[in-house]
C-alpha atoms as a PDB file:
ATOM      1  CA  UNK A   1      -6.356   2.132 -21.100  1.00  0.00           C
ATOM      2  CA  UNK A   2      -7.139   0.086 -18.020  1.00  0.00           C
ATOM      3  CA  UNK A   3      -6.302  -3.107 -19.934  1.00  0.00           C
ATOM      4  CA  UNK A   4      -2.780  -1.902 -20.731  1.00  0.00           C
ATOM      5  CA  UNK A   5      -2.042  -1.092 -17.062  1.00  0.00           C
ATOM      6  CA  UNK A   6      -3.549  -4.430 -15.996  1.00  0.00           C
ATOM      7  CA  UNK A   7      -1.211  -6.262 -18.423  1.00  0.00           C
ATOM      8  CA  UNK A   8       1.721  -4.231 -17.082  1.00  0.00           C
ATOM      9  CA  UNK A   9       0.902  -5.295 -13.496  1.00  0.00           C
ATOM     10  CA  UNK A  10       0.665  -8.904 -14.649  1.00  0.00           C
ATOM     11  CA  UNK A  11       4.037  -8.593 -16.325  1.00  0.00           C
ATOM     12  CA  UNK A  12       5.578  -7.207 -13.127  1.00  0.00           C
ATOM     13  CA  UNK A  13       4.297 -10.185 -11.150  1.00  0.00           C
ATOM     14  CA  UNK A  14       5.624 -12.685 -13.830  1.00  0.00           C
ATOM     15  CA  UNK A  15       9.042 -11.086 -14.085  1.00  0.00           C
ATOM     16  CA  UNK A  16       8.571  -9.636 -17.585  1.00  0.00           C
ATOM     17  CA  UNK A  17       9.823  -6.150 -18.568  1.00  0.00           C
ATOM     18  CA  UNK A  18       7.372  -3.282 -18.950  1.00  0.00           C
ATOM     19  CA  UNK A  19       7.657   0.169 -20.509  1.00  0.00           C
ATOM     20  CA  UNK A  20       6.384   3.539 -19.195  1.00  0.00           C
ATOM     21  CA  UNK A  21       6.323   6.794 -21.130  1.00  0.00           C
ATOM     22  CA  UNK A  22       6.269  10.300 -19.888  1.00  0.00           C
ATOM     23  CA  UNK A  23       7.063  13.466 -21.768  1.00  0.00           C
ATOM     24  CA  UNK A  24      10.038  11.816 -23.557  1.00  0.00           C
ATOM     25  CA  UNK A  25      10.826   8.417 -24.973  1.00  0.00           C
ATOM     26  CA  UNK A  26       9.504   5.321 -23.178  1.00  0.00           C
ATOM     27  CA  UNK A  27      11.613   3.761 -20.485  1.00  0.00           C
ATOM     28  CA  UNK A  28      12.007   0.003 -20.032  1.00  0.00           C
ATOM     29  CA  UNK A  29      11.860  -1.436 -16.548  1.00  0.00           C
ATOM     30  CA  UNK A  30      12.431  -4.940 -15.150  1.00  0.00           C
ATOM     31  CA  UNK A  31      11.207  -5.704 -11.584  1.00  0.00           C
ATOM     32  CA  UNK A  32      14.148  -7.160  -9.602  1.00  0.00           C
ATOM     33  CA  UNK A  33      11.988  -9.252  -7.262  1.00  0.00           C
ATOM     34  CA  UNK A  34      10.347 -11.292  -9.929  1.00  0.00           C
ATOM     35  CA  UNK A  35      13.127 -11.443 -12.538  1.00  0.00           C
ATOM     36  CA  UNK A  36      16.126 -13.770 -12.640  1.00  0.00           C
ATOM     37  CA  UNK A  37      19.642 -13.678 -14.060  1.00  0.00           C
ATOM     38  CA  UNK A  38      18.558 -14.997 -17.427  1.00  0.00           C
ATOM     39  CA  UNK A  39      15.815 -12.380 -17.835  1.00  0.00           C
ATOM     40  CA  UNK A  40      18.279  -9.663 -16.742  1.00  0.00           C
ATOM     41  CA  UNK A  41      20.776 -10.821 -19.391  1.00  0.00           C
ATOM     42  CA  UNK A  42      18.076 -10.622 -22.038  1.00  0.00           C
ATOM     43  CA  UNK A  43      16.883  -7.218 -20.855  1.00  0.00           C
ATOM     44  CA  UNK A  44      20.356  -5.759 -20.449  1.00  0.00           C
ATOM     45  CA  UNK A  45      23.009  -7.797 -22.459  1.00  0.00           C
ATOM     46  CA  UNK A  46      25.670  -5.131 -21.805  1.00  0.00           C
ATOM     47  CA  UNK A  47      25.194  -5.166 -18.034  1.00  0.00           C
ATOM     48  CA  UNK A  48      24.777  -1.355 -17.839  1.00  0.00           C
ATOM     49  CA  UNK A  49      21.203  -0.831 -16.662  1.00  0.00           C
ATOM     50  CA  UNK A  50      21.113   1.330 -13.517  1.00  0.00           C
ATOM     51  CA  UNK A  51      18.923   0.292 -10.605  1.00  0.00           C
ATOM     52  CA  UNK A  52      15.878   2.268  -9.486  1.00  0.00           C
ATOM     53  CA  UNK A  53      15.087   2.214  -5.761  1.00  0.00           C
ATOM     54  CA  UNK A  54      12.812   4.271  -3.572  1.00  0.00           C
ATOM     55  CA  UNK A  55      14.354   6.902  -1.338  1.00  0.00           C
ATOM     56  CA  UNK A  56      13.218   5.029   1.784  1.00  0.00           C
ATOM     57  CA  UNK A  57      15.231   1.958   0.756  1.00  0.00           C
ATOM     58  CA  UNK A  58      18.138   3.994  -0.592  1.00  0.00           C
ATOM     59  CA  UNK A  59      18.460   5.860   2.703  1.00  0.00           C
ATOM     60  CA  UNK A  60      19.084   2.565   4.553  1.00  0.00           C
ATOM     61  CA  UNK A  61      21.979   1.964   2.093  1.00  0.00           C
ATOM     62  CA  UNK A  62      23.351   5.507   2.624  1.00  0.00           C
ATOM     63  CA  UNK A  63      22.507   6.389  -0.984  1.00  0.00           C
ATOM     64  CA  UNK A  64      19.979   9.151  -0.338  1.00  0.00           C
ATOM     65  CA  UNK A  65      20.322  12.519   1.364  1.00  0.00           C
ATOM     66  CA  UNK A  66      17.978  13.729   4.066  1.00  0.00           C
ATOM     67  CA  UNK A  67      15.819  15.690   1.629  1.00  0.00           C
ATOM     68  CA  UNK A  68      15.185  12.641  -0.603  1.00  0.00           C
ATOM     69  CA  UNK A  69      14.629  10.342   2.462  1.00  0.00           C
ATOM     70  CA  UNK A  70      11.870  12.632   3.696  1.00  0.00           C
ATOM     71  CA  UNK A  71       9.695  11.321   0.863  1.00  0.00           C
ATOM     72  CA  UNK A  72      10.253   7.533   1.200  1.00  0.00           C
ATOM     73  CA  UNK A  73       8.557   6.606  -2.051  1.00  0.00           C
ATOM     74  CA  UNK A  74      10.471   9.094  -4.272  1.00  0.00           C
ATOM     75  CA  UNK A  75      12.892   7.691  -6.848  1.00  0.00           C
ATOM     76  CA  UNK A  76      16.715   7.199  -6.375  1.00  0.00           C
ATOM     77  CA  UNK A  77      18.940   5.812  -9.161  1.00  0.00           C
ATOM     78  CA  UNK A  78      21.992   3.616  -8.394  1.00  0.00           C
ATOM     79  CA  UNK A  79      24.826   3.404 -10.884  1.00  0.00           C
ATOM     80  CA  UNK A  80      25.431  -0.076 -12.362  1.00  0.00           C
ATOM     81  CA  UNK A  81      28.967  -1.357 -12.188  1.00  0.00           C
ATOM     82  CA  UNK A  82      30.513  -4.679 -13.123  1.00  0.00           C
ATOM     83  CA  UNK A  83      30.265  -6.067  -9.561  1.00  0.00           C
ATOM     84  CA  UNK A  84      26.524  -5.461  -9.337  1.00  0.00           C
ATOM     85  CA  UNK A  85      25.220  -8.743 -10.762  1.00  0.00           C
ATOM     86  CA  UNK A  86      21.685 -10.022 -10.313  1.00  0.00           C
ATOM     87  CA  UNK A  87      22.302 -11.459  -6.867  1.00  0.00           C
ATOM     88  CA  UNK A  88      23.701  -8.115  -5.668  1.00  0.00           C
ATOM     89  CA  UNK A  89      20.727  -6.279  -7.156  1.00  0.00           C
ATOM     90  CA  UNK A  90      18.352  -8.554  -5.207  1.00  0.00           C
ATOM     91  CA  UNK A  91      20.229  -7.756  -2.013  1.00  0.00           C
ATOM     92  CA  UNK A  92      19.905  -4.021  -2.797  1.00  0.00           C
ATOM     93  CA  UNK A  93      16.136  -4.446  -3.330  1.00  0.00           C
ATOM     94  CA  UNK A  94      15.220  -6.707  -0.391  1.00  0.00           C
ATOM     95  CA  UNK A  95      16.262  -5.674   3.129  1.00  0.00           C
ATOM     96  CA  UNK A  96      15.402  -8.929   4.889  1.00  0.00           C
ATOM     97  CA  UNK A  97      19.021 -10.181   4.942  1.00  0.00           C
ATOM     98  CA  UNK A  98      20.680  -6.764   5.545  1.00  0.00           C
ATOM     99  CA  UNK A  99      21.627  -7.569   9.111  1.00  0.00           C
ATOM    100  CA  UNK A 100      22.792 -11.085   8.335  1.00  0.00           C
ATOM    101  CA  UNK A 101      24.804 -10.373   5.194  1.00  0.00           C
ATOM    102  CA  UNK A 102      26.180  -6.863   4.926  1.00  0.00           C
ATOM    103  CA  UNK A 103      26.529  -5.760   1.323  1.00  0.00           C
ATOM    104  CA  UNK A 104      29.824  -4.889  -0.244  1.00  0.00           C
ATOM    105  CA  UNK A 105      30.065  -1.702  -2.356  1.00  0.00           C
ATOM    106  CA  UNK A 106      30.826   0.876  -3.143  1.00  0.00           C
ATOM    107  CA  UNK A 107      27.481   1.957  -4.506  1.00  0.00           C
ATOM    108  CA  UNK A 108      26.895   5.320  -6.072  1.00  0.00           C
ATOM    109  CA  UNK A 109      23.670   7.261  -6.601  1.00  0.00           C
ATOM    110  CA  UNK A 110      23.387   9.121  -9.874  1.00  0.00           C
ATOM    111  CA  UNK A 111      20.979  11.877 -10.962  1.00  0.00           C
ATOM    112  CA  UNK A 112      17.481  10.626 -11.707  1.00  0.00           C
ATOM    113  CA  UNK A 113      16.287  11.213 -15.286  1.00  0.00           C
ATOM    114  CA  UNK A 114      12.624  10.915 -16.260  1.00  0.00           C
ATOM    115  CA  UNK A 115      11.628  11.475 -12.597  1.00  0.00           C
ATOM    116  CA  UNK A 116       7.936  11.310 -13.304  1.00  0.00           C
ATOM    117  CA  UNK A 117       8.305   7.967 -14.997  1.00  0.00           C
ATOM    118  CA  UNK A 118      10.383   6.570 -12.174  1.00  0.00           C
ATOM    119  CA  UNK A 119       7.859   7.752  -9.607  1.00  0.00           C
ATOM    120  CA  UNK A 120       5.080   6.133 -11.584  1.00  0.00           C
ATOM    121  CA  UNK A 121       7.069   2.841 -11.754  1.00  0.00           C
ATOM    122  CA  UNK A 122       7.429   2.767  -7.949  1.00  0.00           C
ATOM    123  CA  UNK A 123       3.739   3.408  -7.521  1.00  0.00           C
ATOM    124  CA  UNK A 124       2.936   0.604  -9.960  1.00  0.00           C
ATOM    125  CA  UNK A 125       5.123  -1.771  -8.067  1.00  0.00           C
ATOM    126  CA  UNK A 126       3.128  -1.111  -4.914  1.00  0.00           C
ATOM    127  CA  UNK A 127      -0.085  -1.746  -6.850  1.00  0.00           C
ATOM    128  CA  UNK A 128       1.336  -5.055  -8.133  1.00  0.00           C
ATOM    129  CA  UNK A 129       2.525  -6.045  -4.640  1.00  0.00           C
ATOM    130  CA  UNK A 130       6.175  -6.359  -5.575  1.00  0.00           C
ATOM    131  CA  UNK A 131       9.231  -4.677  -4.093  1.00  0.00           C
ATOM    132  CA  UNK A 132       9.712  -1.213  -5.561  1.00  0.00           C
ATOM    133  CA  UNK A 133      13.042  -1.844  -7.276  1.00  0.00           C
ATOM    134  CA  UNK A 134      13.803  -2.073 -11.017  1.00  0.00           C
ATOM    135  CA  UNK A 135      16.532  -2.404 -13.583  1.00  0.00           C
ATOM    136  CA  UNK A 136      16.099   0.563 -15.985  1.00  0.00           C
ATOM    137  CA  UNK A 137      16.866   0.096 -19.668  1.00  0.00           C
ATOM    138  CA  UNK A 138      15.629   0.346 -23.183  1.00  0.00           C
ATOM    139  CA  UNK A 139      11.884   0.006 -23.787  1.00  0.00           C
ATOM    140  CA  UNK A 140      10.399  -2.742 -25.936  1.00  0.00           C
ATOM    141  CA  UNK A 141       6.750  -3.479 -26.773  1.00  0.00           C
ATOM    142  CA  UNK A 142       3.712  -1.497 -25.621  1.00  0.00           C
ATOM    143  CA  UNK A 143       4.347   1.387 -23.308  1.00  0.00           C
ATOM    144  CA  UNK A 144       1.803   2.674 -20.772  1.00  0.00           C
ATOM    145  CA  UNK A 145       1.606   6.328 -19.828  1.00  0.00           C
ATOM    146  CA  UNK A 146       1.890   8.034 -16.520  1.00  0.00           C
ATOM    147  CA  UNK A 147      -1.693   9.307 -16.933  1.00  0.00           C
ATOM    148  CA  UNK A 148      -2.941   5.764 -17.453  1.00  0.00           C
ATOM    149  CA  UNK A 149      -1.334   4.597 -14.220  1.00  0.00           C
ATOM    150  CA  UNK A 150      -2.831   7.532 -12.339  1.00  0.00           C
ATOM    151  CA  UNK A 151      -6.309   6.854 -13.792  1.00  0.00           C
ATOM    152  CA  UNK A 152      -6.038   3.127 -12.995  1.00  0.00           C
ATOM    153  CA  UNK A 153      -6.124   3.837  -9.230  1.00  0.00           C
ATOM    154  CA  UNK A 154      -8.908   6.468  -9.385  1.00  0.00           C
ATOM    155  CA  UNK A 155     -11.727   5.316  -7.059  1.00  0.00           C
ATOM    156  CA  UNK A 156     -14.347   6.877  -9.344  1.00  0.00           C
ATOM    157  CA  UNK A 157     -14.392   3.497 -11.199  1.00  0.00           C
ATOM    158  CA  UNK A 158     -15.758   1.722  -8.121  1.00  0.00           C
ATOM    159  CA  UNK A 159     -19.394   0.610  -8.276  1.00  0.00           C
ATOM    160  CA  UNK A 160     -21.785  -1.533  -6.157  1.00  0.00           C
ATOM    161  CA  UNK A 161     -21.930  -5.089  -7.523  1.00  0.00           C
ATOM    162  CA  UNK A 162     -24.045  -6.977  -5.042  1.00  0.00           C
ATOM    163  CA  UNK A 163     -25.729  -6.778  -1.651  1.00  0.00           C
ATOM    164  CA  UNK A 164     -27.457  -9.248   0.725  1.00  0.00           C
ATOM    165  CA  UNK A 165     -28.669  -9.639   4.339  1.00  0.00           C
ATOM    166  CA  UNK A 166     -25.897 -10.982   6.573  1.00  0.00           C
ATOM    167  CA  UNK A 167     -26.437 -11.530  10.272  1.00  0.00           C
ATOM    168  CA  UNK A 168     -23.076 -11.372  12.078  1.00  0.00           C
ATOM    169  CA  UNK A 169     -21.698 -11.806  15.547  1.00  0.00           C
ATOM    170  CA  UNK A 170     -22.540  -8.533  17.248  1.00  0.00           C
ATOM    171  CA  UNK A 171     -25.470  -7.623  15.029  1.00  0.00           C
ATOM    172  CA  UNK A 172     -28.171  -9.908  13.678  1.00  0.00           C
ATOM    173  CA  UNK A 173     -29.559  -7.074  11.531  1.00  0.00           C
ATOM    174  CA  UNK A 174     -26.778  -6.387   9.044  1.00  0.00           C
ATOM    175  CA  UNK A 175     -26.415  -6.140   5.297  1.00  0.00           C
ATOM    176  CA  UNK A 176     -23.247  -6.724   3.293  1.00  0.00           C
ATOM    177  CA  UNK A 177     -22.534  -4.679   0.136  1.00  0.00           C
ATOM    178  CA  UNK A 178     -19.767  -5.571  -2.329  1.00  0.00           C
ATOM    179  CA  UNK A 179     -18.002  -2.997  -4.464  1.00  0.00           C
ATOM    180  CA  UNK A 180     -16.040  -3.869  -7.580  1.00  0.00           C
ATOM    181  CA  UNK A 181     -13.713  -1.835  -9.868  1.00  0.00           C
ATOM    182  CA  UNK A 182     -12.556  -2.929 -13.281  1.00  0.00           C
ATOM    183  CA  UNK A 183      -9.058  -1.925 -12.194  1.00  0.00           C
ATOM    184  CA  UNK A 184      -8.682  -4.359  -9.307  1.00  0.00           C
ATOM    185  CA  UNK A 185      -9.235  -8.086  -8.815  1.00  0.00           C
ATOM    186  CA  UNK A 186     -10.312  -7.634  -5.159  1.00  0.00           C
ATOM    187  CA  UNK A 187     -13.681  -6.392  -3.868  1.00  0.00           C
ATOM    188  CA  UNK A 188     -14.082  -3.821  -1.192  1.00  0.00           C
ATOM    189  CA  UNK A 189     -16.990  -4.509   1.226  1.00  0.00           C
ATOM    190  CA  UNK A 190     -19.393  -2.513   3.374  1.00  0.00           C
ATOM    191  CA  UNK A 191     -21.199  -4.037   6.333  1.00  0.00           C
ATOM    192  CA  UNK A 192     -24.280  -1.950   7.201  1.00  0.00           C
ATOM    193  CA  UNK A 193     -25.155  -2.550  10.794  1.00  0.00           C
ATOM    194  CA  UNK A 194     -28.792  -1.808  11.729  1.00  0.00           C
ATOM    195  CA  UNK A 195     -31.076   0.473   9.689  1.00  0.00           C
ATOM    196  CA  UNK A 196     -30.557   4.104   8.623  1.00  0.00           C
ATOM    197  CA  UNK A 197     -32.494   6.408  10.887  1.00  0.00           C
ATOM    198  CA  UNK A 198     -31.649   9.842   9.532  1.00  0.00           C
ATOM    199  CA  UNK A 199     -28.722  10.324  11.813  1.00  0.00           C
ATOM    200  CA  UNK A 200     -25.119  10.311  10.534  1.00  0.00           C
ATOM    201  CA  UNK A 201     -23.878   6.686  10.765  1.00  0.00           C
ATOM    202  CA  UNK A 202     -21.019   5.593  12.873  1.00  0.00           C
ATOM    203  CA  UNK A 203     -18.409   4.591  10.328  1.00  0.00           C
ATOM    204  CA  UNK A 204     -15.210   2.584  10.631  1.00  0.00           C
ATOM    205  CA  UNK A 205     -12.597   2.307   7.865  1.00  0.00           C
ATOM    206  CA  UNK A 206     -11.012  -1.062   8.391  1.00  0.00           C
ATOM    207  CA  UNK A 207      -8.088  -2.137   6.195  1.00  0.00           C
ATOM    208  CA  UNK A 208      -7.939  -5.824   5.424  1.00  0.00           C
ATOM    209  CA  UNK A 209      -5.649  -7.773   7.772  1.00  0.00           C
ATOM    210  CA  UNK A 210      -5.510 -11.511   7.124  1.00  0.00           C
ATOM    211  CA  UNK A 211      -3.219 -12.177  10.041  1.00  0.00           C
ATOM    212  CA  UNK A 212      -5.252 -10.186  12.545  1.00  0.00           C
ATOM    213  CA  UNK A 213      -8.854 -10.551  11.271  1.00  0.00           C
ATOM    214  CA  UNK A 214      -8.654 -14.268  10.365  1.00  0.00           C
ATOM    215  CA  UNK A 215      -5.752 -15.835  12.114  1.00  0.00           C
ATOM    216  CA  UNK A 216      -5.972 -13.902  15.388  1.00  0.00           C
ATOM    217  CA  UNK A 217      -2.496 -12.361  15.235  1.00  0.00           C
ATOM    218  CA  UNK A 218      -1.394 -10.708  18.508  1.00  0.00           C
ATOM    219  CA  UNK A 219       1.141  -8.513  16.666  1.00  0.00           C
ATOM    220  CA  UNK A 220      -1.567  -5.894  15.876  1.00  0.00           C
ATOM    221  CA  UNK A 221      -4.989  -4.818  17.166  1.00  0.00           C
ATOM    222  CA  UNK A 222      -6.893  -5.247  13.869  1.00  0.00           C
ATOM    223  CA  UNK A 223      -9.037  -8.211  14.806  1.00  0.00           C
ATOM    224  CA  UNK A 224     -10.197  -6.764  18.163  1.00  0.00           C
ATOM    225  CA  UNK A 225     -10.821  -3.409  16.435  1.00  0.00           C
ATOM    226  CA  UNK A 226     -12.968  -5.037  13.834  1.00  0.00           C
ATOM    227  CA  UNK A 227     -15.206  -6.729  16.350  1.00  0.00           C
ATOM    228  CA  UNK A 228     -15.296  -3.739  18.678  1.00  0.00           C
ATOM    229  CA  UNK A 229     -16.472  -1.554  15.759  1.00  0.00           C
ATOM    230  CA  UNK A 230     -19.416  -3.800  14.929  1.00  0.00           C
ATOM    231  CA  UNK A 231     -20.507  -3.832  18.565  1.00  0.00           C
ATOM    232  CA  UNK A 232     -20.147  -0.037  18.805  1.00  0.00           C
ATOM    233  CA  UNK A 233     -22.344   0.409  15.674  1.00  0.00           C
ATOM    234  CA  UNK A 234     -24.997  -1.897  17.115  1.00  0.00           C
ATOM    235  CA  UNK A 235     -25.061   0.091  20.356  1.00  0.00           C
ATOM    236  CA  UNK A 236     -25.202   3.359  18.384  1.00  0.00           C
ATOM    237  CA  UNK A 237     -28.270   2.230  16.544  1.00  0.00           C
ATOM    238  CA  UNK A 238     -26.655   1.944  13.127  1.00  0.00           C
ATOM    239  CA  UNK A 239     -23.378   2.230  11.318  1.00  0.00           C
ATOM    240  CA  UNK A 240     -21.203   1.173   8.412  1.00  0.00           C
ATOM    241  CA  UNK A 241     -18.043  -0.872   8.480  1.00  0.00           C
ATOM    242  CA  UNK A 242     -15.958  -0.349   5.321  1.00  0.00           C
ATOM    243  CA  UNK A 243     -13.649  -3.276   4.805  1.00  0.00           C
ATOM    244  CA  UNK A 244     -10.931  -2.046   2.474  1.00  0.00           C
ATOM    245  CA  UNK A 245      -8.707  -4.438   0.525  1.00  0.00           C
ATOM    246  CA  UNK A 246      -5.519  -2.620   1.440  1.00  0.00           C
ATOM    247  CA  UNK A 247      -3.531  -5.200   3.352  1.00  0.00           C
ATOM    248  CA  UNK A 248      -0.468  -4.077   5.212  1.00  0.00           C
ATOM    249  CA  UNK A 249      -1.264  -0.373   5.025  1.00  0.00           C
ATOM    250  CA  UNK A 250      -1.490  -0.722   1.268  1.00  0.00           C
ATOM    251  CA  UNK A 251       1.711  -2.709   0.547  1.00  0.00           C
ATOM    252  CA  UNK A 252       0.090  -6.126   0.264  1.00  0.00           C
ATOM    253  CA  UNK A 253       0.303  -9.359   2.253  1.00  0.00           C
ATOM    254  CA  UNK A 254       3.707 -10.527   1.062  1.00  0.00           C
ATOM    255  CA  UNK A 255       5.364  -7.267   1.743  1.00  0.00           C
ATOM    256  CA  UNK A 256       3.593  -7.040   5.107  1.00  0.00           C
ATOM    257  CA  UNK A 257       5.144 -10.334   6.063  1.00  0.00           C
ATOM    258  CA  UNK A 258       8.506  -8.950   4.979  1.00  0.00           C
ATOM    259  CA  UNK A 259       7.824  -6.014   7.323  1.00  0.00           C
ATOM    260  CA  UNK A 260       7.069  -8.460  10.136  1.00  0.00           C
ATOM    261  CA  UNK A 261      10.454 -10.129   9.576  1.00  0.00           C
ATOM    262  CA  UNK A 262      12.180  -6.733   9.834  1.00  0.00           C
ATOM    263  CA  UNK A 263      10.177  -5.997  13.000  1.00  0.00           C
ATOM    264  CA  UNK A 264      11.617  -9.242  14.485  1.00  0.00           C
ATOM    265  CA  UNK A 265      15.045  -7.663  13.805  1.00  0.00           C
ATOM    266  CA  UNK A 266      14.127  -4.644  15.975  1.00  0.00           C
ATOM    267  CA  UNK A 267      12.647  -2.155  13.483  1.00  0.00           C
ATOM    268  CA  UNK A 268       9.268  -0.570  14.258  1.00  0.00           C
ATOM    269  CA  UNK A 269       6.326  -0.511  11.752  1.00  0.00           C
ATOM    270  CA  UNK A 270       7.412   2.792  10.200  1.00  0.00           C
ATOM    271  CA  UNK A 271      11.015   1.910   9.729  1.00  0.00           C
ATOM    272  CA  UNK A 272      10.143  -1.558   8.430  1.00  0.00           C
ATOM    273  CA  UNK A 273       7.883  -0.131   5.685  1.00  0.00           C
ATOM    274  CA  UNK A 274      10.413   2.536   4.598  1.00  0.00           C
ATOM    275  CA  UNK A 275      13.311   0.058   4.697  1.00  0.00           C
ATOM    276  CA  UNK A 276      11.275  -2.069   2.222  1.00  0.00           C
ATOM    277  CA  UNK A 277      11.016   1.018   0.075  1.00  0.00           C
ATOM    278  CA  UNK A 278       7.421   1.973   0.676  1.00  0.00           C
ATOM    279  CA  UNK A 279       5.634   4.992   2.057  1.00  0.00           C
ATOM    280  CA  UNK A 280       4.861   4.936   5.766  1.00  0.00           C
ATOM    281  CA  UNK A 281       1.208   4.481   4.876  1.00  0.00           C
ATOM    282  CA  UNK A 282       0.325   3.596   1.229  1.00  0.00           C
ATOM    283  CA  UNK A 283      -3.411   3.295   1.692  1.00  0.00           C
ATOM    284  CA  UNK A 284      -5.877   5.258  -0.449  1.00  0.00           C
ATOM    285  CA  UNK A 285      -8.834   6.391   1.728  1.00  0.00           C
ATOM    286  CA  UNK A 286     -10.441   8.026  -1.265  1.00  0.00           C
ATOM    287  CA  UNK A 287     -11.832   4.549  -1.923  1.00  0.00           C
ATOM    288  CA  UNK A 288     -13.792   4.805   1.326  1.00  0.00           C
ATOM    289  CA  UNK A 289     -15.140   8.163   0.360  1.00  0.00           C
ATOM    290  CA  UNK A 290     -16.377   6.765  -2.964  1.00  0.00           C
ATOM    291  CA  UNK A 291     -18.048   3.811  -1.119  1.00  0.00           C
ATOM    292  CA  UNK A 292     -19.854   6.172   1.276  1.00  0.00           C
ATOM    293  CA  UNK A 293     -21.042   8.300  -1.578  1.00  0.00           C
ATOM    294  CA  UNK A 294     -22.417   5.299  -3.403  1.00  0.00           C
ATOM    295  CA  UNK A 295     -24.281   4.358  -0.209  1.00  0.00           C
ATOM    296  CA  UNK A 296     -25.680   7.853   0.004  1.00  0.00           C
ATOM    297  CA  UNK A 297     -23.993   8.718   3.300  1.00  0.00           C
ATOM    298  CA  UNK A 298     -21.886  11.908   3.088  1.00  0.00           C
ATOM    299  CA  UNK A 299     -22.254  12.994   6.733  1.00  0.00           C
ATOM    300  CA  UNK A 300     -20.752  10.563   9.205  1.00  0.00           C
ATOM    301  CA  UNK A 301     -19.345  10.012  12.687  1.00  0.00           C
ATOM    302  CA  UNK A 302     -15.966   8.380  12.149  1.00  0.00           C
ATOM    303  CA  UNK A 303     -14.695   5.755  14.565  1.00  0.00           C
ATOM    304  CA  UNK A 304     -10.914   6.229  14.376  1.00  0.00           C
ATOM    305  CA  UNK A 305      -7.765   7.442  16.128  1.00  0.00           C
ATOM    306  CA  UNK A 306      -6.133   8.410  12.762  1.00  0.00           C
ATOM    307  CA  UNK A 307      -6.594  12.080  11.866  1.00  0.00           C
ATOM    308  CA  UNK A 308      -5.398  11.396   8.343  1.00  0.00           C
ATOM    309  CA  UNK A 309      -8.627   9.429   7.706  1.00  0.00           C
ATOM    310  CA  UNK A 310     -10.621  12.454   8.681  1.00  0.00           C
ATOM    311  CA  UNK A 311      -8.566  14.726   6.451  1.00  0.00           C
ATOM    312  CA  UNK A 312      -8.793  12.514   3.326  1.00  0.00           C
ATOM    313  CA  UNK A 313     -12.478  11.896   3.729  1.00  0.00           C
ATOM    314  CA  UNK A 314     -13.300  15.592   4.179  1.00  0.00           C
ATOM    315  CA  UNK A 315     -11.125  16.506   1.141  1.00  0.00           C
ATOM    316  CA  UNK A 316     -13.124  13.937  -0.868  1.00  0.00           C
ATOM    317  CA  UNK A 317     -16.455  15.533   0.106  1.00  0.00           C
ATOM    318  CA  UNK A 318     -17.460  13.502   3.166  1.00  0.00           C
ATOM    319  CA  UNK A 319     -18.408  15.632   6.176  1.00  0.00           C
ATOM    320  CA  UNK A 320     -17.087  14.153   9.449  1.00  0.00           C
ATOM    321  CA  UNK A 321     -19.376  15.577  12.075  1.00  0.00           C
ATOM    322  CA  UNK A 322     -17.550  13.788  14.915  1.00  0.00           C
ATOM    323  CA  UNK A 323     -14.391  11.727  15.371  1.00  0.00           C
ATOM    324  CA  UNK A 324     -15.111   8.989  17.845  1.00  0.00           C
ATOM    325  CA  UNK A 325     -11.906   7.436  19.424  1.00  0.00           C
ATOM    326  CA  UNK A 326     -11.491   3.668  19.766  1.00  0.00           C
ATOM    327  CA  UNK A 327      -9.340   2.240  22.557  1.00  0.00           C
ATOM    328  CA  UNK A 328      -8.469  -1.429  23.264  1.00  0.00           C
ATOM    329  CA  UNK A 329      -5.981  -2.794  25.813  1.00  0.00           C
ATOM    330  CA  UNK A 330      -2.561  -3.745  24.426  1.00  0.00           C
ATOM    331  CA  UNK A 331      -0.863  -7.062  24.843  1.00  0.00           C
ATOM    332  CA  UNK A 332       2.885  -7.866  25.191  1.00  0.00           C
ATOM    333  CA  UNK A 333       3.147  -8.600  21.435  1.00  0.00           C
ATOM    334  CA  UNK A 334       1.526  -5.416  20.082  1.00  0.00           C
ATOM    335  CA  UNK A 335       2.481  -2.768  22.718  1.00  0.00           C
ATOM    336  CA  UNK A 336       5.370  -1.440  20.565  1.00  0.00           C
ATOM    337  CA  UNK A 337       3.157  -1.418  17.490  1.00  0.00           C
ATOM    338  CA  UNK A 338       0.490   0.667  19.269  1.00  0.00           C
ATOM    339  CA  UNK A 339       3.143   3.007  20.635  1.00  0.00           C
ATOM    340  CA  UNK A 340       4.539   3.514  17.167  1.00  0.00           C
ATOM    341  CA  UNK A 341       1.070   4.457  15.831  1.00  0.00           C
ATOM    342  CA  UNK A 342       0.780   6.961  18.603  1.00  0.00           C
ATOM    343  CA  UNK A 343       4.272   8.444  18.565  1.00  0.00           C
ATOM    344  CA  UNK A 344       5.228   8.298  14.862  1.00  0.00           C
ATOM    345  CA  UNK A 345       2.029   8.310  12.779  1.00  0.00           C
ATOM    346  CA  UNK A 346      -0.025  10.736  14.842  1.00  0.00           C
ATOM    347  CA  UNK A 347      -2.823   8.448  16.127  1.00  0.00           C
ATOM    348  CA  UNK A 348      -4.867  10.091  18.882  1.00  0.00           C
ATOM    349  CA  UNK A 349      -7.457   8.923  21.423  1.00  0.00           C
END
């Protein structure tokens, strides 16, 4: 049930234990980021709970082999020993202080049991916006299933909630459409620029970026891309800007700021995300396909340099008749970020 998963997400954010069941007995999990030493003692009085990390994070600790590290959000289990107290576990989970305070081990990876449950737990952490790291122990209380977690993120639940005329800079003839899902507190938004004229609209999938869109950050090109997209749609006659609530490539605002801190230490965007324990790109572009379907637009021209967006949309039933590149000049703060998108995540002009 959606309600049960929503309660589990709330528990993760509050530092309360949750339980997930797969094919076997339910497994108890306590999120390291939001817990504390007292809650750990209550969850694991014997001090024996192993630690669940993602392979991306474990690889930075030399606890994952190359095969595991190739899938950054796959699970890795770390053996609990008497010297791994709560503070040590926090250091294992959060990479921000790795360079300043090297950790003392040894640490040992052990075989992952209930792999499907552990994978689901890491995915749920991303949805909750917390670091994907847990103590694993006995389950207490209501357990949610792997199937419920998968269903919770299915974009089929998305529906149009409201729409209104909205003149904006770049287009005086625009309409805003809000989409809401019972599974998420945030609303996705579409800005329809101009009037449908029978031609496939020029469409831009724009992931929310508070720092770039609102605060004018120079570390990325999100704000300029947003405004350039609206102007391009106006010039094209009409188009649709889909504003997706997937901050930080799907890892959330807080974790994006953690990634920024790692970038200041010399890591690029890809390595920062995987060092935090997340996939290189955790966004779900199926949401955009559902929004376009609800708007009655299944043939589009897509304004993007990201081939993955084309692939996901076409898999979800949206025909991309043309990929239109978008190019903006770099600045001295985002030049490395743009090069990383080109060289490591396959962006093309």
